[in-house]
Amino acid sequence: MRHYCVVARPSDGTVDLKVEEFQDDLKWFYSVVKCKCLDFITREINEDKYVIICDDVGALKPNHFALTSKNRTEVLFGNLIICQQHSEDLIGLSEENAKELIKYLKNNNYSY
């Protein structure tokens, strides 16, 4: 069974949210997030817990956009991977869950 994730990429003041096949592989995380220092944070989105893989020092880089929400004060920079966690392991989402997450993010003021 294939597992998926949501990948957010900033571009020209907007964010491109896509469903991509999830790979539990550190090299893949770095290639998607495009950074040298990853951070793994857990956040609740629409009453479910997700792991957001992001650039730990993104705020220090020029020309990066920040993922913000009107309901949150937290700011996340650069490309993001959104997946879930089971015990100590990262796990992907079903394709349907990933599409629903994108729909939720677009409809709830999450923006770059």
Foldseek 3Di string as FASTA:
>chain_A
DWFWWWKWADDPFWIDIDIDTDDQDPVVLCVRQVEDDWDWDWDAAPNDIKIKIHHPCQVVDPPWAWWDFPVDPDTTTGMIIIFHDDDHDTTGHDPVVNVVRVVSCVPGRTTD
